[in-house]
Amino acid sequence: MLTAVARRHSGIENQADLDAWVDRLELNDVNGFLSRLRRIIEALVQDNWWIDRDTIQSELPDQ
């Protein structure tokens, strides 16, 4: 799935480019990945959370 996203959004076609893309986006670092994912989710849902957002945030690793 990650390879498909890299190909579609960044034109990644080989392993070396995929490795560089993963490093550049910090997807191989848990804290970097979760931080990026959090920002994306916040942009998508804005204030329309179906669940208690503060509870989820309290369970995430410190950033």
PDB file of N, CA and C in Angstrom:
ATOM      1  N   MET A   1       0.834  -1.181   0.000  1.00  0.00           N
ATOM      2  CA  MET A   1       0.000   0.000   0.000  1.00  0.00           C
ATOM      3  C   MET A   1       0.886   1.255   0.000  1.00  0.00           C
ATOM      4  N   LEU A   2       1.926   1.221   0.806  1.00  0.00           N
ATOM      5  CA  LEU A   2       2.824   2.372   0.875  1.00  0.00           C
ATOM      6  C   LEU A   2       3.497   2.625  -0.476  1.00  0.00           C
ATOM      7  N   THR A   3       3.872   1.548  -1.148  1.00  0.00           N
ATOM      8  CA  THR A   3       4.490   1.676  -2.467  1.00  0.00           C
ATOM      9  C   THR A   3       3.528   2.315  -3.463  1.00  0.00           C
ATOM     10  N   ALA A   4       2.269   1.940  -3.395  1.00  0.00           N
ATOM     11  CA  ALA A   4       1.267   2.525  -4.292  1.00  0.00           C
ATOM     12  C   ALA A   4       1.109   4.013  -4.035  1.00  0.00           C
ATOM     13  N   VAL A   5       1.111   4.415  -2.777  1.00  0.00           N
ATOM     14  CA  VAL A   5       1.007   5.837  -2.438  1.00  0.00           C
ATOM     15  C   VAL A   5       2.233   6.582  -2.944  1.00  0.00           C
ATOM     16  N   ALA A   6       3.409   6.014  -2.729  1.00  0.00           N
ATOM     17  CA  ALA A   6       4.646   6.656  -3.186  1.00  0.00           C
ATOM     18  C   ALA A   6       4.646   6.808  -4.710  1.00  0.00           C
ATOM     19  N   ARG A   7       4.201   5.797  -5.395  1.00  0.00           N
ATOM     20  CA  ARG A   7       4.152   5.847  -6.858  1.00  0.00           C
ATOM     21  C   ARG A   7       3.166   6.912  -7.324  1.00  0.00           C
ATOM     22  N   ARG A   8       1.985   6.925  -6.739  1.00  0.00           N
ATOM     23  CA  ARG A   8       0.930   7.845  -7.175  1.00  0.00           C
ATOM     24  C   ARG A   8       1.271   9.301  -6.857  1.00  0.00           C
ATOM     25  N   HIS A   9       1.813   9.562  -5.680  1.00  0.00           N
ATOM     26  CA  HIS A   9       2.026  10.945  -5.249  1.00  0.00           C
ATOM     27  C   HIS A   9       3.405  11.499  -5.571  1.00  0.00           C
ATOM     28  N   SER A  10       4.386  10.618  -5.729  1.00  0.00           N
ATOM     29  CA  SER A  10       5.746  11.116  -5.940  1.00  0.00           C
ATOM     30  C   SER A  10       6.448  10.470  -7.125  1.00  0.00           C
ATOM     31  N   GLY A  11       5.756   9.635  -7.863  1.00  0.00           N
ATOM     32  CA  GLY A  11       6.361   9.014  -9.032  1.00  0.00           C
ATOM     33  C   GLY A  11       7.464   8.017  -8.710  1.00  0.00           C
ATOM     34  N   ILE A  12       7.440   7.439  -7.528  1.00  0.00           N
ATOM     35  CA  ILE A  12       8.461   6.484  -7.095  1.00  0.00           C
ATOM     36  C   ILE A  12       8.298   5.185  -7.886  1.00  0.00           C
ATOM     37  N   GLU A  13       9.391   4.718  -8.478  1.00  0.00           N
ATOM     38  CA  GLU A  13       9.327   3.517  -9.309  1.00  0.00           C
ATOM     39  C   GLU A  13      10.325   2.431  -8.924  1.00  0.00           C
ATOM     40  N   ASN A  14      11.278   2.713  -8.013  1.00  0.00           N
ATOM     41  CA  ASN A  14      12.258   1.683  -7.655  1.00  0.00           C
ATOM     42  C   ASN A  14      12.553   1.724  -6.156  1.00  0.00           C
ATOM     43  N   GLN A  15      13.227   0.703  -5.679  1.00  0.00           N
ATOM     44  CA  GLN A  15      13.472   0.564  -4.240  1.00  0.00           C
ATOM     45  C   GLN A  15      14.339   1.681  -3.678  1.00  0.00           C
ATOM     46  N   ALA A  16      15.357   2.087  -4.409  1.00  0.00           N
ATOM     47  CA  ALA A  16      16.237   3.153  -3.920  1.00  0.00           C
ATOM     48  C   ALA A  16      15.458   4.451  -3.722  1.00  0.00           C
ATOM     49  N   ASP A  17      14.618   4.788  -4.683  1.00  0.00           N
ATOM     50  CA  ASP A  17      13.801   5.997  -4.567  1.00  0.00           C
ATOM     51  C   ASP A  17      12.777   5.861  -3.443  1.00  0.00           C
ATOM     52  N   LEU A  18      12.224   4.649  -3.280  1.00  0.00           N
ATOM     53  CA  LEU A  18      11.277   4.418  -2.189  1.00  0.00           C
ATOM     54  C   LEU A  18      11.964   4.595  -0.841  1.00  0.00           C
ATOM     55  N   ASP A  19      13.164   4.052  -0.701  1.00  0.00           N
ATOM     56  CA  ASP A  19      13.918   4.208   0.553  1.00  0.00           C
ATOM     57  C   ASP A  19      14.176   5.681   0.860  1.00  0.00           C
ATOM     58  N   ALA A  20      14.570   6.441  -0.157  1.00  0.00           N
ATOM     59  CA  ALA A  20      14.825   7.875   0.032  1.00  0.00           C
ATOM     60  C   ALA A  20      13.536   8.607   0.395  1.00  0.00           C
ATOM     61  N   TRP A  21      12.430   8.234  -0.228  1.00  0.00           N
ATOM     62  CA  TRP A  21      11.129   8.850   0.059  1.00  0.00           C
ATOM     63  C   TRP A  21      10.710   8.581   1.497  1.00  0.00           C
ATOM     64  N   VAL A  22      10.869   7.341   1.938  1.00  0.00           N
ATOM     65  CA  VAL A  22      10.535   6.965   3.315  1.00  0.00           C
ATOM     66  C   VAL A  22      11.393   7.763   4.303  1.00  0.00           C
ATOM     67  N   ASP A  23      12.689   7.884   4.014  1.00  0.00           N
ATOM     68  CA  ASP A  23      13.573   8.669   4.889  1.00  0.00           C
ATOM     69  C   ASP A  23      13.174  10.133   4.907  1.00  0.00           C
ATOM     70  N   ARG A  24      12.903  10.690   3.729  1.00  0.00           N
ATOM     71  CA  ARG A  24      12.559  12.116   3.625  1.00  0.00           C
ATOM     72  C   ARG A  24      11.291  12.448   4.407  1.00  0.00           C
ATOM     73  N   LEU A  25      10.315  11.545   4.359  1.00  0.00           N
ATOM     74  CA  LEU A  25       9.052  11.788   5.053  1.00  0.00           C
ATOM     75  C   LEU A  25       9.042  11.264   6.489  1.00  0.00           C
ATOM     76  N   GLU A  26      10.184  10.719   6.927  1.00  0.00           N
ATOM     77  CA  GLU A  26      10.334  10.193   8.292  1.00  0.00           C
ATOM     78  C   GLU A  26       9.329   9.088   8.591  1.00  0.00           C
ATOM     79  N   LEU A  27       9.001   8.300   7.577  1.00  0.00           N
ATOM     80  CA  LEU A  27       8.033   7.228   7.772  1.00  0.00           C
ATOM     81  C   LEU A  27       8.642   6.026   8.470  1.00  0.00           C
ATOM     82  N   ASN A  28       9.962   5.982   8.565  1.00  0.00           N
ATOM     83  CA  ASN A  28      10.637   4.894   9.254  1.00  0.00           C
ATOM     84  C   ASN A  28      10.904   5.225  10.722  1.00  0.00           C
ATOM     85  N   ASP A  29      10.466   6.378  11.168  1.00  0.00           N
ATOM     86  CA  ASP A  29      10.591   6.813  12.560  1.00  0.00           C
ATOM     87  C   ASP A  29       9.181   6.888  13.145  1.00  0.00           C
ATOM     88  N   VAL A  30       8.924   6.106  14.174  1.00  0.00           N
ATOM     89  CA  VAL A  30       7.567   6.018  14.723  1.00  0.00           C
ATOM     90  C   VAL A  30       7.027   7.384  15.121  1.00  0.00           C
ATOM     91  N   ASN A  31       7.809   8.156  15.832  1.00  0.00           N
ATOM     92  CA  ASN A  31       7.321   9.472  16.270  1.00  0.00           C
ATOM     93  C   ASN A  31       7.079  10.403  15.092  1.00  0.00           C
ATOM     94  N   GLY A  32       7.976  10.382  14.117  1.00  0.00           N
ATOM     95  CA  GLY A  32       7.781  11.210  12.922  1.00  0.00           C
ATOM     96  C   GLY A  32       6.554  10.782  12.149  1.00  0.00           C
ATOM     97  N   PHE A  33       6.374   9.477  12.008  1.00  0.00           N
ATOM     98  CA  PHE A  33       5.220   8.946  11.291  1.00  0.00           C
ATOM     99  C   PHE A  33       3.918   9.306  11.992  1.00  0.00           C
ATOM    100  N   LEU A  34       3.864   9.095  13.305  1.00  0.00           N
ATOM    101  CA  LEU A  34       2.633   9.403  14.052  1.00  0.00           C
ATOM    102  C   LEU A  34       2.324  10.891  14.040  1.00  0.00           C
ATOM    103  N   SER A  35       3.359  11.703  14.114  1.00  0.00           N
ATOM    104  CA  SER A  35       3.156  13.153  14.073  1.00  0.00           C
ATOM    105  C   SER A  35       2.566  13.573  12.726  1.00  0.00           C
ATOM    106  N   ARG A  36       3.120  13.036  11.640  1.00  0.00           N
ATOM    107  CA  ARG A  36       2.612  13.349  10.294  1.00  0.00           C
ATOM    108  C   ARG A  36       1.186  12.833  10.127  1.00  0.00           C
ATOM    109  N   LEU A  37       0.934  11.615  10.577  1.00  0.00           N
ATOM    110  CA  LEU A  37      -0.401  11.021  10.485  1.00  0.00           C
ATOM    111  C   LEU A  37      -1.415  11.849  11.273  1.00  0.00           C
ATOM    112  N   ARG A  38      -1.008  12.303  12.441  1.00  0.00           N
ATOM    113  CA  ARG A  38      -1.897  13.126  13.269  1.00  0.00           C
ATOM    114  C   ARG A  38      -2.293  14.413  12.539  1.00  0.00           C
ATOM    115  N   ARG A  39      -1.318  15.079  11.931  1.00  0.00           N
ATOM    116  CA  ARG A  39      -1.616  16.322  11.212  1.00  0.00           C
ATOM    117  C   ARG A  39      -2.560  16.075  10.041  1.00  0.00           C
ATOM    118  N   ILE A  40      -2.366  14.961   9.347  1.00  0.00           N
ATOM    119  CA  ILE A  40      -3.227  14.643   8.211  1.00  0.00           C
ATOM    120  C   ILE A  40      -4.655  14.366   8.681  1.00  0.00           C
ATOM    121  N   ILE A  41      -4.780  13.577   9.733  1.00  0.00           N
ATOM    122  CA  ILE A  41      -6.116  13.262  10.258  1.00  0.00           C
ATOM    123  C   ILE A  41      -6.809  14.528  10.750  1.00  0.00           C
ATOM    124  N   GLU A  42      -6.076  15.394  11.454  1.00  0.00           N
ATOM    125  CA  GLU A  42      -6.671  16.647  11.932  1.00  0.00           C
ATOM    126  C   GLU A  42      -7.147  17.508  10.770  1.00  0.00           C
ATOM    127  N   ALA A  43      -6.391  17.531   9.682  1.00  0.00           N
ATOM    128  CA  ALA A  43      -6.804  18.320   8.514  1.00  0.00           C
ATOM    129  C   ALA A  43      -8.056  17.729   7.880  1.00  0.00           C
ATOM    130  N   LEU A  44      -8.161  16.415   7.880  1.00  0.00           N
ATOM    131  CA  LEU A  44      -9.323  15.770   7.273  1.00  0.00           C
ATOM    132  C   LEU A  44     -10.593  15.933   8.096  1.00  0.00           C
ATOM    133  N   VAL A  45     -10.500  15.729   9.402  1.00  0.00           N
ATOM    134  CA  VAL A  45     -11.722  15.732  10.213  1.00  0.00           C
ATOM    135  C   VAL A  45     -12.030  17.073  10.851  1.00  0.00           C
ATOM    136  N   GLN A  46     -11.021  17.938  10.943  1.00  0.00           N
ATOM    137  CA  GLN A  46     -11.147  19.241  11.596  1.00  0.00           C
ATOM    138  C   GLN A  46     -11.811  19.074  12.961  1.00  0.00           C
ATOM    139  N   ASP A  47     -12.969  19.626  13.195  1.00  0.00           N
ATOM    140  CA  ASP A  47     -13.618  19.512  14.507  1.00  0.00           C
ATOM    141  C   ASP A  47     -14.751  18.488  14.517  1.00  0.00           C
ATOM    142  N   ASN A  48     -14.825  17.662  13.507  1.00  0.00           N
ATOM    143  CA  ASN A  48     -15.920  16.703  13.397  1.00  0.00           C
ATOM    144  C   ASN A  48     -15.517  15.302  13.867  1.00  0.00           C
ATOM    145  N   TRP A  49     -14.907  15.226  15.042  1.00  0.00           N
ATOM    146  CA  TRP A  49     -14.482  13.944  15.598  1.00  0.00           C
ATOM    147  C   TRP A  49     -15.694  13.165  16.085  1.00  0.00           C
ATOM    148  N   TRP A  50     -15.721  11.858  15.795  1.00  0.00           N
ATOM    149  CA  TRP A  50     -16.798  10.982  16.267  1.00  0.00           C
ATOM    150  C   TRP A  50     -16.461  10.376  17.614  1.00  0.00           C
ATOM    151  N   ILE A  51     -15.246  10.546  18.034  1.00  0.00           N
ATOM    152  CA  ILE A  51     -14.759   9.949  19.282  1.00  0.00           C
ATOM    153  C   ILE A  51     -14.095  11.035  20.113  1.00  0.00           C
ATOM    154  N   ASP A  52     -13.677  10.678  21.315  1.00  0.00           N
ATOM    155  CA  ASP A  52     -13.018  11.631  22.195  1.00  0.00           C
ATOM    156  C   ASP A  52     -11.553  11.797  21.775  1.00  0.00           C
ATOM    157  N   ARG A  53     -11.266  12.860  21.085  1.00  0.00           N
ATOM    158  CA  ARG A  53      -9.930  13.129  20.559  1.00  0.00           C
ATOM    159  C   ARG A  53      -8.890  13.228  21.669  1.00  0.00           C
ATOM    160  N   ASP A  54      -9.222  13.844  22.779  1.00  0.00           N
ATOM    161  CA  ASP A  54      -8.265  14.001  23.882  1.00  0.00           C
ATOM    162  C   ASP A  54      -7.831  12.654  24.445  1.00  0.00           C
ATOM    163  N   THR A  55      -8.722  11.675  24.485  1.00  0.00           N
ATOM    164  CA  THR A  55      -8.373  10.346  24.969  1.00  0.00           C
ATOM    165  C   THR A  55      -7.346   9.694  24.041  1.00  0.00           C
ATOM    166  N   ILE A  56      -7.581   9.821  22.743  1.00  0.00           N
ATOM    167  CA  ILE A  56      -6.623   9.268  21.772  1.00  0.00           C
ATOM    168  C   ILE A  56      -5.272   9.937  21.922  1.00  0.00           C
ATOM    169  N   GLN A  57      -5.239  11.257  21.998  1.00  0.00           N
ATOM    170  CA  GLN A  57      -3.986  11.984  22.106  1.00  0.00           C
ATOM    171  C   GLN A  57      -3.227  11.628  23.381  1.00  0.00           C
ATOM    172  N   SER A  58      -3.947  11.378  24.463  1.00  0.00           N
ATOM    173  CA  SER A  58      -3.265  11.050  25.713  1.00  0.00           C
ATOM    174  C   SER A  58      -2.590   9.688  25.653  1.00  0.00           C
ATOM    175  N   GLU A  59      -3.022   8.818  24.729  1.00  0.00           N
ATOM    176  CA  GLU A  59      -2.442   7.488  24.588  1.00  0.00           C
ATOM    177  C   GLU A  59      -1.294   7.430  23.585  1.00  0.00           C
ATOM    178  N   LEU A  60      -1.065   8.522  22.822  1.00  0.00           N
ATOM    179  CA  LEU A  60       0.015   8.552  21.854  1.00  0.00           C
ATOM    180  C   LEU A  60       1.343   8.871  22.549  1.00  0.00           C
ATOM    181  N   PRO A  61       2.452   8.397  21.960  1.00  0.00           N
ATOM    182  CA  PRO A  61       3.765   8.728  22.532  1.00  0.00           C
ATOM    183  C   PRO A  61       3.997  10.235  22.503  1.00  0.00           C
ATOM    184  N   ASP A  62       4.813  10.722  23.425  1.00  0.00           N
ATOM    185  CA  ASP A  62       5.143  12.159  23.444  1.00  0.00           C
ATOM    186  C   ASP A  62       5.825  12.540  22.154  1.00  0.00           C
ATOM    187  N   GLN A  63       5.585  13.801  21.747  1.00  0.00           N
ATOM    188  CA  GLN A  63       6.158  14.269  20.476  1.00  0.00           C
ATOM    189  C   GLN A  63       7.201  15.295  20.703  1.00  0.00           C
TER     190      GLN A  63
END
